[in-house]
């Protein structure tokens, strides 16, 4: 599944909100944190890839 930049930003926002909810299992919060980190890393990779391609 390919997500657009807008969809990724929305998912990151939702994951951040979910991460800081008071009630929930620790296992679930760890999974949410891991997914949030993956999404943020994906966004960072996109920015770097665009920058290097424009320099060439």
N, C-alpha and C. Protein backbone atom coordinates (compact mmCIF):
# COMPACT_ATOMS: atom_id res chain seq x y z
N UNK A 1 0.85 -1.17 0.00
CA UNK A 1 0.00 0.00 0.00
C UNK A 1 0.90 1.25 0.00
N UNK A 2 0.62 2.16 -0.88
CA UNK A 2 1.38 3.39 -0.99
C UNK A 2 0.55 4.53 -0.39
N UNK A 3 1.16 5.26 0.54
CA UNK A 3 0.47 6.37 1.17
C UNK A 3 1.01 7.70 0.65
N UNK A 4 0.13 8.65 0.51
CA UNK A 4 0.57 9.98 0.11
C UNK A 4 1.15 10.71 1.31
N UNK A 5 1.80 11.81 1.05
CA UNK A 5 2.41 12.60 2.11
C UNK A 5 1.36 13.10 3.10
N UNK A 6 0.21 13.50 2.58
CA UNK A 6 -0.88 14.00 3.41
C UNK A 6 -1.40 12.90 4.32
N UNK A 7 -1.54 11.69 3.79
CA UNK A 7 -2.01 10.56 4.58
C UNK A 7 -1.02 10.19 5.67
N UNK A 8 0.26 10.26 5.35
CA UNK A 8 1.29 9.96 6.36
C UNK A 8 1.26 10.97 7.50
N UNK A 9 1.09 12.25 7.16
CA UNK A 9 1.01 13.27 8.20
C UNK A 9 -0.19 13.05 9.11
N UNK A 10 -1.31 12.67 8.51
CA UNK A 10 -2.52 12.38 9.29
C UNK A 10 -2.29 11.18 10.22
N UNK A 11 -1.68 10.13 9.71
CA UNK A 11 -1.40 8.96 10.54
C UNK A 11 -0.46 9.30 11.69
N UNK A 12 0.56 10.10 11.42
CA UNK A 12 1.50 10.51 12.47
C UNK A 12 0.77 11.28 13.55
N UNK A 13 -0.11 12.18 13.16
CA UNK A 13 -0.89 12.96 14.12
C UNK A 13 -1.76 12.05 14.99
N UNK A 14 -2.43 11.11 14.36
CA UNK A 14 -3.30 10.19 15.10
C UNK A 14 -2.49 9.29 16.03
N UNK A 15 -1.33 8.83 15.57
CA UNK A 15 -0.50 7.98 16.42
C UNK A 15 0.04 8.72 17.63
N UNK A 16 0.39 9.98 17.44
CA UNK A 16 0.87 10.79 18.57
C UNK A 16 -0.23 10.97 19.62
N UNK A 17 -1.45 11.21 19.17
CA UNK A 17 -2.57 11.35 20.10
C UNK A 17 -2.82 10.05 20.84
N UNK A 18 -2.78 8.94 20.11
CA UNK A 18 -3.02 7.63 20.71
C UNK A 18 -1.93 7.26 21.71
N UNK A 19 -0.71 7.68 21.42
CA UNK A 19 0.43 7.36 22.28
C UNK A 19 0.27 7.98 23.67
N UNK A 20 -0.32 9.15 23.75
CA UNK A 20 -0.41 9.87 25.01
C UNK A 20 -1.75 9.71 25.72
N UNK A 21 -2.57 8.77 25.28
CA UNK A 21 -3.82 8.49 25.99
C UNK A 21 -3.50 7.87 27.34
N UNK A 22 -4.31 8.19 28.34
CA UNK A 22 -4.07 7.70 29.69
C UNK A 22 -4.31 6.21 29.84
N UNK A 23 -5.37 5.72 29.25
CA UNK A 23 -5.73 4.32 29.43
C UNK A 23 -5.35 3.50 28.22
N UNK A 24 -4.73 2.39 28.47
CA UNK A 24 -4.33 1.50 27.39
C UNK A 24 -3.23 0.58 27.88
N UNK A 25 -3.04 -0.52 27.22
CA UNK A 25 -2.03 -1.47 27.64
C UNK A 25 -0.64 -1.00 27.23
N UNK A 26 0.36 -1.43 27.99
CA UNK A 26 1.74 -1.04 27.68
C UNK A 26 2.19 -1.66 26.36
N UNK A 27 1.73 -2.88 26.11
CA UNK A 27 2.09 -3.55 24.86
C UNK A 27 1.57 -2.75 23.68
N UNK A 28 0.35 -2.28 23.76
CA UNK A 28 -0.25 -1.49 22.70
C UNK A 28 0.52 -0.19 22.49
N UNK A 29 0.94 0.45 23.59
CA UNK A 29 1.68 1.70 23.47
C UNK A 29 3.04 1.48 22.83
N UNK A 30 3.67 0.35 23.11
CA UNK A 30 4.96 0.04 22.49
C UNK A 30 4.80 -0.14 20.98
N UNK A 31 3.73 -0.83 20.59
CA UNK A 31 3.47 -1.03 19.16
C UNK A 31 3.18 0.29 18.47
N UNK A 32 2.42 1.15 19.14
CA UNK A 32 2.10 2.46 18.58
C UNK A 32 3.37 3.29 18.44
N UNK A 33 4.23 3.26 19.46
CA UNK A 33 5.48 4.01 19.40
C UNK A 33 6.37 3.51 18.26
N UNK A 34 6.43 2.19 18.08
CA UNK A 34 7.23 1.63 17.00
C UNK A 34 6.69 2.05 15.63
N UNK A 35 5.38 2.00 15.46
CA UNK A 35 4.78 2.41 14.19
C UNK A 35 4.97 3.90 13.95
N UNK A 36 4.85 4.70 15.01
CA UNK A 36 5.07 6.14 14.89
C UNK A 36 6.50 6.43 14.44
N UNK A 37 7.46 5.74 15.01
CA UNK A 37 8.86 5.93 14.63
C UNK A 37 9.09 5.56 13.16
N UNK A 38 8.46 4.47 12.70
CA UNK A 38 8.59 4.06 11.31
C UNK A 38 8.01 5.11 10.36
N UNK A 39 6.85 5.66 10.71
CA UNK A 39 6.22 6.67 9.87
C UNK A 39 7.07 7.94 9.81
N UNK A 40 7.59 8.36 10.97
CA UNK A 40 8.43 9.56 10.99
C UNK A 40 9.71 9.33 10.21
N UNK A 41 10.29 8.15 10.30
CA UNK A 41 11.50 7.83 9.55
C UNK A 41 11.21 7.85 8.05
N UNK A 42 10.07 7.36 7.67
CA UNK A 42 9.66 7.37 6.26
C UNK A 42 9.57 8.81 5.74
N UNK A 43 8.99 9.69 6.54
CA UNK A 43 8.89 11.10 6.14
C UNK A 43 10.27 11.74 6.01
N UNK A 44 11.17 11.42 6.95
CA UNK A 44 12.53 11.96 6.87
C UNK A 44 13.25 11.44 5.64
N UNK A 45 13.07 10.17 5.33
CA UNK A 45 13.69 9.58 4.14
C UNK A 45 13.20 10.25 2.86
N UNK A 46 11.93 10.55 2.80
CA UNK A 46 11.38 11.22 1.62
C UNK A 46 12.03 12.59 1.43
N UNK A 47 12.20 13.32 2.52
CA UNK A 47 12.80 14.65 2.43
C UNK A 47 14.24 14.55 1.94
N UNK A 48 14.99 13.60 2.46
CA UNK A 48 16.40 13.45 2.05
C UNK A 48 16.48 13.00 0.61
N UNK A 49 15.64 12.06 0.20
CA UNK A 49 15.67 11.57 -1.17
C UNK A 49 15.34 12.68 -2.17
N UNK A 50 14.41 13.55 -1.83
CA UNK A 50 14.08 14.65 -2.71
C UNK A 50 15.22 15.64 -2.81
N UNK A 51 15.89 15.90 -1.71
CA UNK A 51 16.99 16.85 -1.71
C UNK A 51 18.16 16.33 -2.53
N UNK A 52 18.51 15.08 -2.38
CA UNK A 52 19.66 14.55 -3.12
C UNK A 52 19.35 14.46 -4.61
N UNK A 53 18.14 14.15 -4.98
CA UNK A 53 17.82 14.05 -6.40
C UNK A 53 17.83 15.43 -7.07
N UNK A 54 17.46 16.47 -6.34
CA UNK A 54 17.46 17.81 -6.93
C UNK A 54 18.88 18.37 -7.05
N UNK A 55 19.79 17.90 -6.22
CA UNK A 55 21.17 18.36 -6.30
C UNK A 55 21.89 17.79 -7.52
N UNK A 56 21.44 16.63 -7.96
CA UNK A 56 22.08 16.01 -9.11
C UNK A 56 21.65 16.73 -10.36
